[in-house]
Amino acid sequence: MSLHKSLKRKDTLVRRRNVLSRGERIQRLKEDERWEEGKASVFGLPKVKPQVIAAPARPRKEEKAPEGEAEPSEGAPEAQD
């Protein structure tokens, strides 16, 4: 029996996970130079903080000028005294 498409999660690999797998922890320890080949056991690994992935920046809404300070349009000539 197959799983209905509405029940499938689309963001399963995108979200932040609280726990890293053993391979991910070893890779992180190697990057931090805290892993020594041959000496360390794969059991009882030191704790490693998960990587924080920044959310994509949202586009800002355009700020509107106050009503009294309307910007002159490009095609219109400016008023001169």
Protein backbone atom coordinates (compact mmCIF):
# COMPACT_ATOMS: atom_id res chain seq x y z
CA MET A 1 0.00 0.00 0.00
CA SER A 2 1.40 3.39 -0.95
CA LEU A 3 1.43 6.59 1.05
CA HIS A 4 -0.95 9.32 -0.07
CA LYS A 5 0.82 12.42 -1.45
CA SER A 6 -0.87 14.75 1.08
CA LEU A 7 0.73 12.78 3.93
CA LYS A 8 4.28 13.05 2.61
CA ARG A 9 6.50 15.72 4.09
CA LYS A 10 8.27 17.91 1.58
CA ASP A 11 10.63 19.66 3.98
CA THR A 12 12.10 16.62 5.71
CA LEU A 13 15.70 17.40 4.70
CA VAL A 14 15.37 21.17 4.94
CA ARG A 15 14.51 21.58 8.59
CA ARG A 16 17.01 21.70 11.42
CA ARG A 17 17.60 18.41 13.21
CA ASN A 18 18.44 18.15 16.90
CA VAL A 19 20.58 15.02 16.62
CA LEU A 20 23.41 14.25 14.20
CA SER A 21 24.11 10.73 12.98
CA ARG A 22 27.35 9.02 14.04
CA GLY A 23 28.94 9.66 10.63
CA GLU A 24 27.99 13.34 10.74
CA ARG A 25 29.43 13.68 14.25
CA ILE A 26 32.73 12.07 13.19
CA GLN A 27 32.91 14.34 10.13
CA ARG A 28 32.30 17.41 12.32
CA LEU A 29 34.98 16.28 14.77
CA LYS A 30 37.45 15.87 11.89
CA GLU A 31 36.67 19.41 10.68
CA ASP A 32 37.29 20.73 14.21
CA GLU A 33 40.48 18.61 14.44
CA ARG A 34 39.17 16.82 17.54
CA TRP A 35 39.18 13.34 15.93
CA GLU A 36 42.29 11.18 15.93
CA GLU A 37 42.38 8.14 13.64
CA GLY A 38 43.02 4.89 15.49
CA LYS A 39 42.80 6.32 19.02
CA ALA A 40 39.16 7.24 19.28
CA SER A 41 36.29 4.78 19.39
CA VAL A 42 33.05 5.33 17.48
CA PHE A 43 31.23 4.70 20.75
CA GLY A 44 31.03 7.42 23.39
CA LEU A 45 31.75 10.28 20.99
CA PRO A 46 31.95 13.78 22.46
CA LYS A 47 28.92 16.00 22.03
CA VAL A 48 28.78 18.15 18.91
CA LYS A 49 26.43 21.05 18.33
CA PRO A 50 24.26 20.73 15.23
CA GLN A 51 24.89 23.12 12.37
CA VAL A 52 22.59 26.13 12.35
CA ILE A 53 21.18 26.85 8.91
CA ALA A 54 20.12 30.43 8.37
CA ALA A 55 16.68 30.98 6.90
CA PRO A 56 16.61 32.69 3.49
CA ALA A 57 16.22 36.44 3.71
CA ARG A 58 12.76 37.73 2.95
CA PRO A 59 12.48 40.61 0.50
CA ARG A 60 11.69 43.85 2.25
CA LYS A 61 8.60 45.80 1.42
CA GLU A 62 9.28 49.07 -0.34
CA GLU A 63 9.10 51.98 2.04
CA LYS A 64 6.61 54.62 1.03
CA ALA A 65 7.51 58.30 1.27
CA PRO A 66 5.32 60.44 3.57
CA GLU A 67 2.45 62.17 1.77
CA GLY A 68 3.97 65.67 2.05
CA GLU A 69 7.28 64.61 0.53
CA ALA A 70 6.29 63.13 -2.81
CA GLU A 71 9.21 62.20 -5.03
CA PRO A 72 9.29 63.93 -8.42
CA SER A 73 8.74 61.62 -11.35
CA GLU A 74 11.60 61.11 -13.80
CA GLY A 75 9.81 62.57 -16.85
CA ALA A 76 8.40 65.71 -15.18
CA PRO A 77 10.62 68.80 -14.95
CA GLU A 78 11.34 70.10 -11.46
CA ALA A 79 9.82 73.39 -10.38
CA GLN A 80 12.32 76.26 -10.37
CA ASP A 81 11.98 79.60 -8.50
